[in-house]
Amino acid sequence: MFLLSWLARSGASAAATALLLTGLAGGAQAKGGLSDGASTATPALAEISLSELPAPAQETHRLVHAGGPFPYAKDGVVFGNRERLLPRKSRGFYREYTVKTPGARTRGARRLICGGTPPTAPEVCYYTDDHYASFKRVRAEAAR
């Protein structure tokens, strides 16, 4: 309100005032200040074919479709998508699986995130090699 009264007292033109207010509103929307409740779209993700994945990721993908057995106790747990880099789905849609990293003593940073029901026939899978900082959508290849 202060800004509006200052603009009126300073003799700013209506056009200048409108431009300034439009810019302020746009900045607030960009920061999430003026949300109309619409969901935010996730950015388009890069894609990678199954055959382009590292061999351990291909093996993890095979295990997902076979229902295991998985080498790590946490394989198959619900992935919460807290980073919101994947398309938004209801809780429980995504599950995460460890992709073995040669020479690593821990689970490492590589994961395969698959979503859909049943877990052995996922609708979609994503690969990350940087512990959820980025993802690539895995393109399934037709059986020959």
C-alpha atoms as a PDB file:
ATOM      1  CA  MET A   1       0.000   0.000   0.000  1.00  0.00           C
ATOM      2  CA  PHE A   2       2.860   2.365   0.818  1.00  0.00           C
ATOM      3  CA  LEU A   3       4.238   1.927  -2.679  1.00  0.00           C
ATOM      4  CA  LEU A   4       0.909   2.837  -4.277  1.00  0.00           C
ATOM      5  CA  SER A   5       0.492   6.027  -2.252  1.00  0.00           C
ATOM      6  CA  TRP A   6       4.113   7.014  -2.950  1.00  0.00           C
ATOM      7  CA  LEU A   7       3.566   6.486  -6.691  1.00  0.00           C
ATOM      8  CA  ALA A   8       0.416   8.626  -6.593  1.00  0.00           C
ATOM      9  CA  ARG A   9       2.178  11.454  -4.696  1.00  0.00           C
ATOM     10  CA  SER A  10       5.222  11.378  -6.953  1.00  0.00           C
ATOM     11  CA  GLY A  11       3.128  11.938 -10.071  1.00  0.00           C
ATOM     12  CA  ALA A  12       4.142   8.683 -11.735  1.00  0.00           C
ATOM     13  CA  SER A  13       2.138   7.947 -14.837  1.00  0.00           C
ATOM     14  CA  ALA A  14      -0.482   5.219 -14.807  1.00  0.00           C
ATOM     15  CA  ALA A  15       1.534   3.265 -17.394  1.00  0.00           C
ATOM     16  CA  ALA A  16       4.707   3.389 -15.268  1.00  0.00           C
ATOM     17  CA  THR A  17       2.745   2.333 -12.191  1.00  0.00           C
ATOM     18  CA  ALA A  18       1.160  -0.590 -14.060  1.00  0.00           C
ATOM     19  CA  LEU A  19       4.544  -1.748 -15.369  1.00  0.00           C
ATOM     20  CA  LEU A  20       6.100  -1.582 -11.921  1.00  0.00           C
ATOM     21  CA  LEU A  21       3.248  -3.484 -10.294  1.00  0.00           C
ATOM     22  CA  THR A  22       3.243  -6.120 -13.027  1.00  0.00           C
ATOM     23  CA  GLY A  23       6.965  -6.667 -12.482  1.00  0.00           C
ATOM     24  CA  LEU A  24       6.495  -6.955  -8.733  1.00  0.00           C
ATOM     25  CA  ALA A  25       3.674  -9.456  -9.121  1.00  0.00           C
ATOM     26  CA  GLY A  26       5.718 -11.511 -11.576  1.00  0.00           C
ATOM     27  CA  GLY A  27       8.614 -11.612  -9.134  1.00  0.00           C
ATOM     28  CA  ALA A  28       6.330 -12.720  -6.335  1.00  0.00           C
ATOM     29  CA  GLN A  29       4.906 -15.499  -8.497  1.00  0.00           C
ATOM     30  CA  ALA A  30       8.386 -16.672  -9.423  1.00  0.00           C
ATOM     31  CA  LYS A  31       9.197 -16.920  -5.713  1.00  0.00           C
ATOM     32  CA  GLY A  32       5.925 -18.686  -4.997  1.00  0.00           C
ATOM     33  CA  GLY A  33       4.346 -15.681  -3.292  1.00  0.00           C
ATOM     34  CA  LEU A  34       1.190 -15.458  -5.400  1.00  0.00           C
ATOM     35  CA  SER A  35       0.181 -19.018  -6.123  1.00  0.00           C
ATOM     36  CA  ASP A  36      -3.151 -19.797  -7.706  1.00  0.00           C
ATOM     37  CA  GLY A  37      -2.915 -23.363  -6.440  1.00  0.00           C
ATOM     38  CA  ALA A  38      -1.916 -24.840  -9.806  1.00  0.00           C
ATOM     39  CA  SER A  39       0.588 -27.647  -9.605  1.00  0.00           C
ATOM     40  CA  THR A  40       4.096 -26.938 -10.716  1.00  0.00           C
ATOM     41  CA  ALA A  41       5.201 -28.934 -13.709  1.00  0.00           C
ATOM     42  CA  THR A  42       8.411 -30.877 -13.359  1.00  0.00           C
ATOM     43  CA  PRO A  43      11.099 -30.041 -15.892  1.00  0.00           C
ATOM     44  CA  ALA A  44      11.536 -32.383 -18.837  1.00  0.00           C
ATOM     45  CA  LEU A  45      13.983 -35.130 -17.964  1.00  0.00           C
ATOM     46  CA  ALA A  46      16.706 -36.474 -20.185  1.00  0.00           C
ATOM     47  CA  GLU A  47      16.228 -40.022 -21.418  1.00  0.00           C
ATOM     48  CA  ILE A  48      18.551 -42.993 -21.627  1.00  0.00           C
ATOM     49  CA  SER A  49      17.903 -46.379 -23.219  1.00  0.00           C
ATOM     50  CA  LEU A  50      18.180 -49.474 -21.087  1.00  0.00           C
ATOM     51  CA  SER A  51      21.151 -50.682 -23.147  1.00  0.00           C
ATOM     52  CA  GLU A  52      22.994 -47.396 -22.474  1.00  0.00           C
ATOM     53  CA  LEU A  53      22.814 -47.848 -18.707  1.00  0.00           C
ATOM     54  CA  PRO A  54      25.867 -49.222 -16.899  1.00  0.00           C
ATOM     55  CA  ALA A  55      25.777 -53.027 -16.606  1.00  0.00           C
ATOM     56  CA  PRO A  56      24.968 -52.949 -12.852  1.00  0.00           C
ATOM     57  CA  ALA A  57      21.935 -50.708 -13.572  1.00  0.00           C
ATOM     58  CA  GLN A  58      20.747 -53.117 -16.258  1.00  0.00           C
ATOM     59  CA  GLU A  59      21.072 -55.947 -13.723  1.00  0.00           C
ATOM     60  CA  THR A  60      19.082 -53.958 -11.131  1.00  0.00           C
ATOM     61  CA  HIS A  61      16.383 -53.318 -13.763  1.00  0.00           C
ATOM     62  CA  ARG A  62      16.236 -57.079 -14.452  1.00  0.00           C
ATOM     63  CA  LEU A  63      15.925 -57.795 -10.705  1.00  0.00           C
ATOM     64  CA  VAL A  64      13.060 -55.288 -10.378  1.00  0.00           C
ATOM     65  CA  HIS A  65      11.106 -57.127 -13.065  1.00  0.00           C
ATOM     66  CA  ALA A  66      11.925 -60.489 -11.495  1.00  0.00           C
ATOM     67  CA  GLY A  67      10.888 -59.360  -8.010  1.00  0.00           C
ATOM     68  CA  GLY A  68      14.397 -59.852  -6.601  1.00  0.00           C
ATOM     69  CA  PRO A  69      16.295 -61.114  -4.793  1.00  0.00           C
ATOM     70  CA  PHE A  70      17.863 -57.737  -4.070  1.00  0.00           C
ATOM     71  CA  PRO A  71      21.334 -57.337  -2.583  1.00  0.00           C
ATOM     72  CA  TYR A  72      20.440 -54.524  -0.169  1.00  0.00           C
ATOM     73  CA  ALA A  73      17.813 -54.481   2.592  1.00  0.00           C
ATOM     74  CA  LYS A  74      16.589 -51.017   1.546  1.00  0.00           C
ATOM     75  CA  ASP A  75      15.919 -52.046  -2.049  1.00  0.00           C
ATOM     76  CA  GLY A  76      12.227 -51.703  -2.846  1.00  0.00           C
ATOM     77  CA  VAL A  77      11.439 -49.107  -0.172  1.00  0.00           C
ATOM     78  CA  VAL A  78       9.128 -46.223  -1.047  1.00  0.00           C
ATOM     79  CA  PHE A  79      10.906 -43.283  -2.666  1.00  0.00           C
ATOM     80  CA  GLY A  80       9.363 -40.023  -1.443  1.00  0.00           C
ATOM     81  CA  ASN A  81      10.457 -37.769  -4.341  1.00  0.00           C
ATOM     82  CA  ARG A  82      11.280 -35.005  -1.825  1.00  0.00           C
ATOM     83  CA  GLU A  83      13.490 -33.335  -4.414  1.00  0.00           C
ATOM     84  CA  ARG A  84      10.402 -33.070  -6.666  1.00  0.00           C
ATOM     85  CA  LEU A  85      12.454 -33.735  -9.776  1.00  0.00           C
ATOM     86  CA  LEU A  86      10.245 -36.615 -10.885  1.00  0.00           C
ATOM     87  CA  PRO A  87       6.606 -36.206 -11.939  1.00  0.00           C
ATOM     88  CA  ARG A  88       4.386 -35.893  -8.878  1.00  0.00           C
ATOM     89  CA  LYS A  89       2.564 -39.074  -7.981  1.00  0.00           C
ATOM     90  CA  SER A  90       0.811 -40.326  -4.874  1.00  0.00           C
ATOM     91  CA  ARG A  91       2.975 -41.597  -2.032  1.00  0.00           C
ATOM     92  CA  GLY A  92       3.983 -45.187  -2.615  1.00  0.00           C
ATOM     93  CA  PHE A  93       4.061 -44.913  -6.411  1.00  0.00           C
ATOM     94  CA  TYR A  94       7.868 -44.773  -6.599  1.00  0.00           C
ATOM     95  CA  ARG A  95      10.254 -47.366  -5.158  1.00  0.00           C
ATOM     96  CA  GLU A  96      14.037 -47.153  -5.066  1.00  0.00           C
ATOM     97  CA  TYR A  97      16.646 -49.776  -5.824  1.00  0.00           C
ATOM     98  CA  THR A  98      20.407 -49.624  -5.364  1.00  0.00           C
ATOM     99  CA  VAL A  99      22.632 -49.873  -8.415  1.00  0.00           C
ATOM    100  CA  LYS A 100      25.911 -51.446  -7.312  1.00  0.00           C
ATOM    101  CA  THR A 101      28.934 -49.185  -7.606  1.00  0.00           C
ATOM    102  CA  PRO A 102      32.124 -51.184  -8.175  1.00  0.00           C
ATOM    103  CA  GLY A 103      34.631 -50.606  -5.390  1.00  0.00           C
ATOM    104  CA  ALA A 104      32.170 -48.752  -3.122  1.00  0.00           C
ATOM    105  CA  ARG A 105      31.936 -49.909   0.500  1.00  0.00           C
ATOM    106  CA  THR A 106      28.470 -48.399   0.897  1.00  0.00           C
ATOM    107  CA  ARG A 107      25.412 -48.402  -1.329  1.00  0.00           C
ATOM    108  CA  GLY A 108      26.962 -45.538  -3.288  1.00  0.00           C
ATOM    109  CA  ALA A 109      25.062 -42.826  -5.152  1.00  0.00           C
ATOM    110  CA  ARG A 110      23.515 -44.778  -7.996  1.00  0.00           C
ATOM    111  CA  ARG A 111      19.828 -45.724  -7.874  1.00  0.00           C
ATOM    112  CA  LEU A 112      17.025 -46.929 -10.081  1.00  0.00           C
ATOM    113  CA  ILE A 113      13.662 -45.407  -9.152  1.00  0.00           C
ATOM    114  CA  CYS A 114      10.660 -47.266 -10.582  1.00  0.00           C
ATOM    115  CA  GLY A 115       6.989 -46.429 -10.322  1.00  0.00           C
ATOM    116  CA  GLY A 116       3.776 -48.293 -10.868  1.00  0.00           C
ATOM    117  CA  THR A 117       1.845 -51.304  -9.681  1.00  0.00           C
ATOM    118  CA  PRO A 118       2.769 -54.056  -9.344  1.00  0.00           C
ATOM    119  CA  PRO A 119       6.414 -53.252  -8.576  1.00  0.00           C
ATOM    120  CA  THR A 120       7.497 -56.104 -10.875  1.00  0.00           C
ATOM    121  CA  ALA A 121       5.866 -54.374 -13.864  1.00  0.00           C
ATOM    122  CA  PRO A 122       6.660 -50.677 -13.356  1.00  0.00           C
ATOM    123  CA  GLU A 123       5.162 -48.058 -15.664  1.00  0.00           C
ATOM    124  CA  VAL A 124       8.367 -46.053 -15.625  1.00  0.00           C
ATOM    125  CA  CYS A 125      11.914 -46.140 -14.255  1.00  0.00           C
ATOM    126  CA  TYR A 126      14.462 -43.368 -13.698  1.00  0.00           C
ATOM    127  CA  TYR A 127      18.216 -43.643 -13.217  1.00  0.00           C
ATOM    128  CA  THR A 128      20.339 -41.382 -11.027  1.00  0.00           C
ATOM    129  CA  ASP A 129      24.090 -41.607 -10.626  1.00  0.00           C
ATOM    130  CA  ASP A 130      24.365 -38.605  -8.291  1.00  0.00           C
ATOM    131  CA  HIS A 131      22.075 -39.585  -5.400  1.00  0.00           C
ATOM    132  CA  TYR A 132      18.890 -37.857  -6.581  1.00  0.00           C
ATOM    133  CA  ALA A 133      20.450 -34.593  -7.827  1.00  0.00           C
ATOM    134  CA  SER A 134      19.397 -35.495 -11.388  1.00  0.00           C
ATOM    135  CA  PHE A 135      17.463 -38.225 -13.152  1.00  0.00           C
ATOM    136  CA  LYS A 136      17.199 -39.780 -16.602  1.00  0.00           C
ATOM    137  CA  ARG A 137      14.049 -41.547 -17.728  1.00  0.00           C
ATOM    138  CA  VAL A 138      14.862 -45.115 -18.783  1.00  0.00           C
ATOM    139  CA  ARG A 139      13.479 -46.004 -22.204  1.00  0.00           C
ATOM    140  CA  ALA A 140      12.515 -49.646 -22.233  1.00  0.00           C
ATOM    141  CA  GLU A 141      13.489 -51.500 -25.375  1.00  0.00           C
ATOM    142  CA  ALA A 142      11.131 -53.778 -27.228  1.00  0.00           C
ATOM    143  CA  ALA A 143      11.799 -57.465 -26.851  1.00  0.00           C
ATOM    144  CA  ARG A 144      13.313 -59.037 -29.953  1.00  0.00           C
END
